[in-house]
């Protein structure tokens, strides 16, 4: 296989930028993700891929819920991504820098998000260096109906290959 061609081709997949909210008991976290896709209409199911060694994976495994927050292509949206892209300890400290509420599942929902949805985990699949979670959408909301969602390409970033 031509590794250069493989990397180039896989980096051409279009991705949005999202904040995945997680909860296990009283512990909350948020992290950036871009591997998010709807996989079923009925019931409404989405899949997210989370790195095996991430703190978020531990929280989703324990709490069996997650939220997906669509991030706006704006100064505030980019600041939210900048904050959530790297792990910080204690985890709650980074969560206090942006306003959020907890939803039906207890997972964080960011008020600066364009929209959000909450999921209950219905399936997990080991997939190399990431865990694939399939979640049933149990709640959703819109904060900014006319906002433009942020994409990985708009940031000039690549996460693939």
N, C-alpha and C. Protein backbone atom coordinates (compact mmCIF):
# COMPACT_ATOMS: atom_id res chain seq x y z
N UNK A 1 0.85 -1.17 0.00
CA UNK A 1 0.00 0.00 0.00
C UNK A 1 0.90 1.24 0.00
N UNK A 2 0.47 2.23 -0.72
CA UNK A 2 1.15 3.53 -0.74
C UNK A 2 0.67 4.32 0.48
N UNK A 3 1.49 4.38 1.54
CA UNK A 3 1.09 5.05 2.78
C UNK A 3 0.80 6.53 2.58
N UNK A 4 1.51 7.17 1.69
CA UNK A 4 1.29 8.59 1.41
C UNK A 4 -0.09 8.79 0.78
N UNK A 5 -0.42 7.96 -0.19
CA UNK A 5 -1.73 8.06 -0.85
C UNK A 5 -2.85 7.74 0.13
N UNK A 6 -2.66 6.71 0.97
CA UNK A 6 -3.67 6.35 1.96
C UNK A 6 -3.93 7.51 2.91
N UNK A 7 -2.85 8.10 3.43
CA UNK A 7 -2.99 9.22 4.36
C UNK A 7 -3.68 10.40 3.70
N UNK A 8 -3.27 10.73 2.50
CA UNK A 8 -3.86 11.86 1.78
C UNK A 8 -5.35 11.62 1.54
N UNK A 9 -5.70 10.43 1.06
CA UNK A 9 -7.09 10.12 0.76
C UNK A 9 -7.96 10.15 2.02
N UNK A 10 -7.48 9.55 3.10
CA UNK A 10 -8.27 9.53 4.34
C UNK A 10 -8.41 10.92 4.96
N UNK A 11 -7.42 11.78 4.76
CA UNK A 11 -7.52 13.14 5.27
C UNK A 11 -8.49 14.00 4.47
N UNK A 12 -9.01 13.51 3.37
CA UNK A 12 -9.99 14.26 2.59
C UNK A 12 -11.43 13.99 3.03
N UNK A 13 -11.62 13.13 4.01
CA UNK A 13 -12.96 12.92 4.56
C UNK A 13 -13.36 14.19 5.31
N UNK A 14 -14.58 14.69 5.04
CA UNK A 14 -15.07 15.90 5.71
C UNK A 14 -15.62 15.56 7.08
N UNK A 15 -15.22 16.36 8.07
CA UNK A 15 -15.67 16.15 9.44
C UNK A 15 -16.13 17.47 10.06
N UNK A 16 -17.11 17.37 10.93
CA UNK A 16 -17.48 18.49 11.78
C UNK A 16 -16.65 18.45 13.05
N UNK A 17 -16.75 19.49 13.86
CA UNK A 17 -16.09 19.54 15.17
C UNK A 17 -17.17 19.54 16.25
N UNK A 18 -17.02 18.67 17.19
CA UNK A 18 -18.02 18.47 18.22
C UNK A 18 -17.35 18.42 19.59
N UNK A 19 -18.14 18.71 20.61
CA UNK A 19 -17.72 18.46 21.98
C UNK A 19 -18.56 17.29 22.48
N UNK A 20 -17.88 16.24 22.88
CA UNK A 20 -18.57 15.08 23.45
C UNK A 20 -18.61 15.30 24.96
N UNK A 21 -19.81 15.32 25.50
CA UNK A 21 -19.99 15.42 26.94
C UNK A 21 -20.15 14.02 27.52
N UNK A 22 -19.55 13.81 28.68
CA UNK A 22 -19.66 12.50 29.32
C UNK A 22 -19.92 12.68 30.80
N UNK A 23 -20.49 11.63 31.38
CA UNK A 23 -20.81 11.65 32.81
C UNK A 23 -20.75 10.24 33.35
N UNK A 24 -20.17 10.12 34.52
CA UNK A 24 -20.23 8.89 35.29
C UNK A 24 -20.38 9.32 36.75
N UNK A 25 -21.54 9.09 37.30
CA UNK A 25 -21.84 9.59 38.65
C UNK A 25 -21.82 11.10 38.65
N UNK A 26 -21.03 11.69 39.52
CA UNK A 26 -20.94 13.15 39.63
C UNK A 26 -19.85 13.74 38.71
N UNK A 27 -19.02 12.89 38.13
CA UNK A 27 -17.92 13.39 37.31
C UNK A 27 -18.37 13.68 35.88
N UNK A 28 -18.04 14.89 35.41
CA UNK A 28 -18.39 15.34 34.06
C UNK A 28 -17.11 15.66 33.30
N UNK A 29 -17.19 15.53 31.98
CA UNK A 29 -16.05 15.90 31.14
C UNK A 29 -16.56 16.30 29.77
N UNK A 30 -15.71 17.04 29.07
CA UNK A 30 -15.97 17.39 27.68
C UNK A 30 -14.68 17.21 26.90
N UNK A 31 -14.78 16.74 25.68
CA UNK A 31 -13.61 16.58 24.82
C UNK A 31 -14.02 16.81 23.36
N UNK A 32 -13.06 17.21 22.55
CA UNK A 32 -13.35 17.38 21.13
C UNK A 32 -13.41 16.03 20.44
N UNK A 33 -14.21 15.98 19.40
CA UNK A 33 -14.29 14.78 18.56
C UNK A 33 -14.73 15.22 17.17
N UNK A 34 -14.38 14.44 16.19
CA UNK A 34 -14.87 14.71 14.85
C UNK A 34 -15.38 13.45 14.17
N UNK A 35 -15.17 12.30 14.75
CA UNK A 35 -15.71 11.07 14.18
C UNK A 35 -17.08 10.81 14.77
N UNK A 36 -18.09 11.48 14.19
CA UNK A 36 -19.48 11.41 14.63
C UNK A 36 -20.34 11.20 13.39
N UNK A 37 -21.29 10.25 13.46
CA UNK A 37 -22.15 9.98 12.31
C UNK A 37 -23.49 9.40 12.77
N UNK A 38 -24.55 9.78 12.07
CA UNK A 38 -25.85 9.15 12.32
C UNK A 38 -25.86 7.81 11.59
N UNK A 39 -26.33 6.76 12.28
CA UNK A 39 -26.32 5.42 11.68
C UNK A 39 -27.69 4.79 11.55
N UNK A 40 -28.75 5.45 12.05
CA UNK A 40 -30.10 4.91 11.93
C UNK A 40 -31.12 6.03 12.13
N UNK A 41 -32.22 5.95 11.35
CA UNK A 41 -33.34 6.87 11.54
C UNK A 41 -34.28 6.37 12.64
N UNK A 42 -34.60 5.08 12.60
CA UNK A 42 -35.60 4.53 13.51
C UNK A 42 -35.10 3.21 14.10
N UNK A 43 -34.64 3.22 15.33
CA UNK A 43 -34.58 4.37 16.23
C UNK A 43 -33.44 5.30 15.84
N UNK A 44 -33.48 6.56 16.29
CA UNK A 44 -32.39 7.48 15.97
C UNK A 44 -31.12 7.07 16.71
N UNK A 45 -30.10 6.64 15.94
CA UNK A 45 -28.84 6.20 16.51
C UNK A 45 -27.69 6.99 15.90
N UNK A 46 -26.71 7.32 16.73
CA UNK A 46 -25.48 7.94 16.25
C UNK A 46 -24.30 7.13 16.77
N UNK A 47 -23.19 7.24 16.06
CA UNK A 47 -21.95 6.58 16.47
C UNK A 47 -20.88 7.64 16.67
N UNK A 48 -20.09 7.44 17.72
CA UNK A 48 -18.94 8.29 17.98
C UNK A 48 -17.73 7.39 18.21
N UNK A 49 -16.56 7.85 17.83
CA UNK A 49 -15.33 7.10 18.08
C UNK A 49 -14.49 7.88 19.08
N UNK A 50 -14.08 7.20 20.15
CA UNK A 50 -13.33 7.81 21.24
C UNK A 50 -12.05 7.02 21.46
N UNK A 51 -10.92 7.73 21.59
CA UNK A 51 -9.64 7.06 21.79
C UNK A 51 -9.67 6.16 23.02
N UNK A 52 -9.04 5.01 22.90
CA UNK A 52 -9.04 4.02 23.98
C UNK A 52 -8.48 4.56 25.28
N UNK A 53 -7.46 5.39 25.23
CA UNK A 53 -6.82 5.85 26.47
C UNK A 53 -7.36 7.18 26.99
N UNK A 54 -8.49 7.64 26.46
CA UNK A 54 -9.03 8.93 26.90
C UNK A 54 -9.84 8.79 28.18
N UNK A 55 -9.86 9.86 28.95
CA UNK A 55 -10.67 9.90 30.17
C UNK A 55 -12.16 9.80 29.81
N UNK A 56 -12.55 10.40 28.71
CA UNK A 56 -13.96 10.35 28.29
C UNK A 56 -14.41 8.91 28.09
N UNK A 57 -13.54 8.07 27.53
CA UNK A 57 -13.93 6.67 27.35
C UNK A 57 -14.27 6.03 28.69
N UNK A 58 -13.47 6.30 29.71
CA UNK A 58 -13.74 5.73 31.03
C UNK A 58 -15.09 6.20 31.56
N UNK A 59 -15.41 7.48 31.34
CA UNK A 59 -16.69 8.00 31.82
C UNK A 59 -17.87 7.41 31.05
N UNK A 60 -17.74 7.29 29.73
CA UNK A 60 -18.83 6.71 28.94
C UNK A 60 -19.01 5.24 29.29
N UNK A 61 -17.90 4.51 29.47
CA UNK A 61 -18.01 3.11 29.86
C UNK A 61 -18.75 2.97 31.19
N UNK A 62 -18.48 3.87 32.14
CA UNK A 62 -19.12 3.79 33.44
C UNK A 62 -20.54 4.32 33.47
N UNK A 63 -20.77 5.46 32.82
CA UNK A 63 -22.08 6.11 32.88
C UNK A 63 -23.05 5.66 31.80
N UNK A 64 -22.52 5.11 30.70
CA UNK A 64 -23.33 4.59 29.58
C UNK A 64 -24.17 5.67 28.90
N UNK A 65 -23.72 6.95 28.98
CA UNK A 65 -24.40 8.06 28.31
C UNK A 65 -23.34 9.00 27.74
N UNK A 66 -23.75 9.80 26.75
CA UNK A 66 -22.90 10.86 26.23
C UNK A 66 -23.78 11.90 25.54
N UNK A 67 -23.21 13.09 25.40
CA UNK A 67 -23.88 14.13 24.61
C UNK A 67 -22.96 14.53 23.47
N UNK A 68 -23.55 15.03 22.41
CA UNK A 68 -22.80 15.57 21.28
C UNK A 68 -23.25 17.02 21.13
N UNK A 69 -22.29 17.94 21.23
CA UNK A 69 -22.55 19.37 21.12
C UNK A 69 -21.93 19.87 19.82
N UNK A 70 -22.74 20.38 18.91
CA UNK A 70 -22.26 20.91 17.64
C UNK A 70 -21.68 22.30 17.90
N UNK A 71 -20.44 22.52 17.48
CA UNK A 71 -19.72 23.75 17.78
C UNK A 71 -19.86 24.74 16.62
N UNK A 72 -20.08 26.00 16.94
CA UNK A 72 -20.23 27.07 15.94
C UNK A 72 -18.88 27.52 15.39
N UNK A 73 -18.87 27.86 14.10
CA UNK A 73 -17.68 28.46 13.48
C UNK A 73 -17.67 29.94 13.85
N UNK A 74 -17.14 30.22 15.04
CA UNK A 74 -17.09 31.58 15.58
C UNK A 74 -15.91 31.65 16.55
N UNK A 75 -15.63 32.84 17.03
CA UNK A 75 -14.57 33.01 18.01
C UNK A 75 -14.85 32.20 19.27
N UNK A 76 -16.08 32.21 19.72
CA UNK A 76 -16.46 31.46 20.92
C UNK A 76 -16.35 29.96 20.65
N UNK A 77 -16.82 29.51 19.49
CA UNK A 77 -16.73 28.09 19.15
C UNK A 77 -15.29 27.61 19.08
N UNK A 78 -14.43 28.42 18.48
CA UNK A 78 -13.01 28.04 18.39
C UNK A 78 -12.35 28.03 19.77
N UNK A 79 -12.76 28.94 20.64
CA UNK A 79 -12.22 28.95 22.01
C UNK A 79 -12.67 27.70 22.76
N UNK A 80 -13.90 27.29 22.54
CA UNK A 80 -14.40 26.06 23.16
C UNK A 80 -13.60 24.85 22.70
N UNK A 81 -13.34 24.78 21.41
CA UNK A 81 -12.54 23.68 20.86
C UNK A 81 -11.13 23.73 21.44
N UNK A 82 -10.51 24.91 21.46
CA UNK A 82 -9.15 25.04 22.00
C UNK A 82 -9.07 24.53 23.44
N UNK A 83 -10.09 24.82 24.24
CA UNK A 83 -10.09 24.40 25.63
C UNK A 83 -10.26 22.88 25.75
N UNK A 84 -11.14 22.32 24.95
CA UNK A 84 -11.51 20.91 25.11
C UNK A 84 -10.59 19.94 24.36
N UNK A 85 -9.69 20.44 23.54
CA UNK A 85 -8.88 19.55 22.71
C UNK A 85 -7.82 18.79 23.49
N UNK A 86 -7.39 19.33 24.62
CA UNK A 86 -6.34 18.67 25.40
C UNK A 86 -6.86 18.30 26.78
N UNK A 87 -6.49 17.12 27.25
CA UNK A 87 -6.92 16.72 28.60
C UNK A 87 -6.36 17.67 29.66
N UNK A 88 -7.16 17.95 30.67
CA UNK A 88 -6.74 18.79 31.79
C UNK A 88 -7.18 18.14 33.08
N UNK A 89 -6.39 18.29 34.10
CA UNK A 89 -6.74 17.74 35.41
C UNK A 89 -6.70 18.87 36.43
N UNK A 90 -7.60 18.93 37.40
CA UNK A 90 -8.76 18.05 37.45
C UNK A 90 -9.74 18.37 36.33
N UNK A 91 -10.45 17.37 35.89
CA UNK A 91 -11.29 17.48 34.69
C UNK A 91 -12.38 18.53 34.82
N UNK A 92 -12.93 18.68 35.99
CA UNK A 92 -14.03 19.63 36.19
C UNK A 92 -13.59 21.08 35.94
N UNK A 93 -12.31 21.39 36.16
CA UNK A 93 -11.86 22.77 35.98
C UNK A 93 -12.11 23.30 34.58
N UNK A 94 -11.84 22.53 33.54
CA UNK A 94 -12.06 23.04 32.19
C UNK A 94 -13.56 23.17 31.90
N UNK A 95 -14.37 22.38 32.55
CA UNK A 95 -15.81 22.45 32.33
C UNK A 95 -16.39 23.76 32.85
N UNK A 96 -15.78 24.37 33.83
CA UNK A 96 -16.31 25.59 34.42
C UNK A 96 -16.01 26.84 33.60
N UNK A 97 -15.25 26.71 32.54
CA UNK A 97 -14.87 27.88 31.74
C UNK A 97 -15.94 28.27 30.71
N UNK A 98 -16.88 27.38 30.42
CA UNK A 98 -17.99 27.67 29.51
C UNK A 98 -19.28 27.21 30.17
N UNK A 99 -20.33 27.98 29.97
CA UNK A 99 -21.61 27.66 30.59
C UNK A 99 -22.21 26.40 29.98
N UNK A 100 -22.71 25.53 30.85
CA UNK A 100 -23.39 24.33 30.40
C UNK A 100 -24.46 23.96 31.41
N UNK A 101 -25.36 23.12 30.97
CA UNK A 101 -26.36 22.52 31.84
C UNK A 101 -26.22 21.02 31.68
N UNK A 102 -26.84 20.28 32.57
CA UNK A 102 -26.88 18.84 32.38
C UNK A 102 -28.28 18.48 31.91
N UNK A 103 -28.32 17.55 30.99
CA UNK A 103 -29.59 17.19 30.38
C UNK A 103 -30.24 15.99 31.04
N UNK A 104 -31.13 15.38 30.28
CA UNK A 104 -31.90 14.23 30.73
C UNK A 104 -30.99 13.08 31.18
N UNK A 105 -29.87 12.91 30.51
CA UNK A 105 -28.93 11.83 30.84
C UNK A 105 -27.92 12.26 31.90
N UNK A 106 -27.85 13.54 32.20
CA UNK A 106 -26.85 14.07 33.11
C UNK A 106 -25.57 14.49 32.42
N UNK A 107 -25.47 14.24 31.11
CA UNK A 107 -24.29 14.64 30.35
C UNK A 107 -24.33 16.15 30.09
N UNK A 108 -23.16 16.81 30.00
CA UNK A 108 -23.14 18.27 29.81
C UNK A 108 -23.60 18.70 28.42
N UNK A 109 -24.39 19.78 28.41
CA UNK A 109 -24.90 20.41 27.19
C UNK A 109 -24.44 21.86 27.23
N UNK A 110 -23.63 22.26 26.27
CA UNK A 110 -23.03 23.60 26.28
C UNK A 110 -23.97 24.63 25.68
N UNK A 111 -24.17 25.73 26.41
CA UNK A 111 -25.10 26.76 25.94
C UNK A 111 -24.54 27.50 24.72
N UNK A 112 -23.23 27.45 24.48
CA UNK A 112 -22.65 28.06 23.28
C UNK A 112 -22.67 27.13 22.08
N UNK A 113 -23.17 25.91 22.24
CA UNK A 113 -23.26 24.98 21.11
C UNK A 113 -24.37 25.42 20.15
N UNK A 114 -24.22 25.10 18.89
CA UNK A 114 -25.25 25.37 17.89
C UNK A 114 -26.48 24.52 18.21
N UNK A 115 -26.24 23.25 18.46
CA UNK A 115 -27.28 22.30 18.82
C UNK A 115 -26.62 21.17 19.60
N UNK A 116 -27.43 20.28 20.12
CA UNK A 116 -26.91 19.17 20.91
C UNK A 116 -27.89 18.03 20.88
N UNK A 117 -27.38 16.84 21.20
CA UNK A 117 -28.25 15.71 21.45
C UNK A 117 -27.60 14.83 22.51
N UNK A 118 -28.46 14.12 23.23
CA UNK A 118 -28.01 13.22 24.29
C UNK A 118 -28.31 11.79 23.89
N UNK A 119 -27.42 10.89 24.27
CA UNK A 119 -27.56 9.49 23.90
C UNK A 119 -27.36 8.57 25.08
N UNK A 120 -28.06 7.46 25.03
CA UNK A 120 -27.81 6.33 25.91
C UNK A 120 -27.09 5.28 25.08
N UNK A 121 -26.00 4.75 25.58
CA UNK A 121 -25.20 3.77 24.83
C UNK A 121 -26.00 2.48 24.67
N UNK A 122 -26.11 2.01 23.42
CA UNK A 122 -26.79 0.75 23.13
C UNK A 122 -25.83 -0.32 22.63
N UNK A 123 -24.62 0.10 22.19
CA UNK A 123 -23.65 -0.87 21.69
C UNK A 123 -22.27 -0.24 21.71
N UNK A 124 -21.27 -1.06 21.94
CA UNK A 124 -19.89 -0.63 21.82
C UNK A 124 -19.15 -1.64 20.95
N UNK A 125 -18.20 -1.12 20.18
CA UNK A 125 -17.43 -1.96 19.28
C UNK A 125 -15.97 -1.55 19.40
N UNK A 126 -15.10 -2.51 19.69
CA UNK A 126 -13.67 -2.23 19.69
C UNK A 126 -13.24 -2.01 18.25
N UNK A 127 -12.54 -0.90 18.01
CA UNK A 127 -12.14 -0.58 16.64
C UNK A 127 -10.72 0.00 16.64
N UNK A 128 -9.75 -0.89 16.77
CA UNK A 128 -8.36 -0.45 16.77
C UNK A 128 -8.04 0.40 17.98
N UNK A 129 -7.50 1.60 17.73
CA UNK A 129 -7.11 2.47 18.84
C UNK A 129 -8.25 3.35 19.35
N UNK A 130 -9.46 3.14 18.85
CA UNK A 130 -10.65 3.86 19.30
C UNK A 130 -11.74 2.86 19.69
N UNK A 131 -12.64 3.32 20.54
CA UNK A 131 -13.84 2.57 20.88
C UNK A 131 -14.99 3.25 20.15
N UNK A 132 -15.80 2.46 19.47
CA UNK A 132 -16.97 2.99 18.77
C UNK A 132 -18.18 2.80 19.67
N UNK A 133 -18.86 3.90 19.98
CA UNK A 133 -20.07 3.86 20.79
C UNK A 133 -21.25 4.17 19.89
N UNK A 134 -22.27 3.34 19.97
CA UNK A 134 -23.52 3.62 19.27
C UNK A 134 -24.52 3.99 20.35
N UNK A 135 -25.09 5.18 20.18
CA UNK A 135 -26.02 5.69 21.18
C UNK A 135 -27.38 6.01 20.60
N UNK A 136 -28.41 5.71 21.37
CA UNK A 136 -29.78 6.07 21.00
C UNK A 136 -30.03 7.50 21.45
N UNK A 137 -30.47 8.35 20.52
CA UNK A 137 -30.78 9.74 20.84
C UNK A 137 -32.04 9.78 21.68
N UNK A 138 -31.92 10.33 22.90
CA UNK A 138 -33.06 10.40 23.81
C UNK A 138 -33.54 11.82 24.05
N UNK A 139 -32.75 12.81 23.61
CA UNK A 139 -33.12 14.20 23.80
C UNK A 139 -32.27 15.04 22.86
N UNK A 140 -32.80 16.17 22.40
CA UNK A 140 -32.06 17.05 21.49
C UNK A 140 -32.54 18.48 21.67
N UNK A 141 -31.69 19.43 21.29
CA UNK A 141 -32.07 20.83 21.38
C UNK A 141 -31.28 21.69 20.42
N UNK A 142 -31.81 22.88 20.17
CA UNK A 142 -31.18 23.85 19.28
C UNK A 142 -30.97 25.13 20.07
N UNK A 143 -29.75 25.64 20.06
CA UNK A 143 -29.44 26.92 20.71
C UNK A 143 -29.33 28.06 19.72
N UNK A 144 -28.85 27.78 18.50
CA UNK A 144 -28.61 28.81 17.48
C UNK A 144 -28.95 28.24 16.11
N UNK A 145 -30.20 28.35 15.71
CA UNK A 145 -30.68 27.71 14.49
C UNK A 145 -29.98 28.20 13.23
N UNK A 146 -29.51 29.43 13.22
CA UNK A 146 -28.93 29.99 11.99
C UNK A 146 -27.40 30.01 11.98
N UNK A 147 -26.77 29.39 12.96
CA UNK A 147 -25.30 29.40 13.06
C UNK A 147 -24.69 28.37 12.11
N UNK A 148 -23.45 28.62 11.72
CA UNK A 148 -22.70 27.70 10.86
C UNK A 148 -21.84 26.80 11.74
N UNK A 149 -22.03 25.48 11.63
CA UNK A 149 -21.19 24.57 12.41
C UNK A 149 -19.72 24.62 11.97
N UNK A 150 -18.83 24.45 12.92
CA UNK A 150 -17.40 24.44 12.68
C UNK A 150 -16.98 23.09 12.10
N UNK A 151 -16.06 23.14 11.14
CA UNK A 151 -15.54 21.90 10.55
C UNK A 151 -14.05 21.77 10.85
N UNK A 152 -13.57 20.57 10.74
CA UNK A 152 -12.14 20.30 10.91
C UNK A 152 -11.35 21.06 9.85
N UNK A 153 -11.87 21.10 8.62
CA UNK A 153 -11.19 21.80 7.52
C UNK A 153 -11.08 23.30 7.80
N UNK A 154 -12.12 23.90 8.40
CA UNK A 154 -12.09 25.33 8.69
C UNK A 154 -10.99 25.67 9.69
N UNK A 155 -10.63 24.73 10.54
CA UNK A 155 -9.55 24.91 11.49
C UNK A 155 -8.18 24.65 10.86
N UNK A 156 -8.17 24.05 9.66
CA UNK A 156 -6.92 23.68 9.02
C UNK A 156 -6.30 22.44 9.65
N UNK A 157 -7.10 21.66 10.35
CA UNK A 157 -6.62 20.48 11.04
C UNK A 157 -6.91 19.22 10.22
N UNK A 158 -6.19 18.15 10.52
CA UNK A 158 -6.43 16.84 9.92
C UNK A 158 -6.43 15.82 11.04
N UNK A 159 -7.37 14.90 11.00
CA UNK A 159 -7.41 13.81 11.96
C UNK A 159 -7.82 12.57 11.19
N UNK A 160 -6.88 11.97 10.57
CA UNK A 160 -7.14 10.79 9.75
C UNK A 160 -5.84 10.30 9.17
N UNK A 161 -5.96 9.34 8.31
CA UNK A 161 -4.78 8.86 7.62
C UNK A 161 -4.27 7.61 8.22
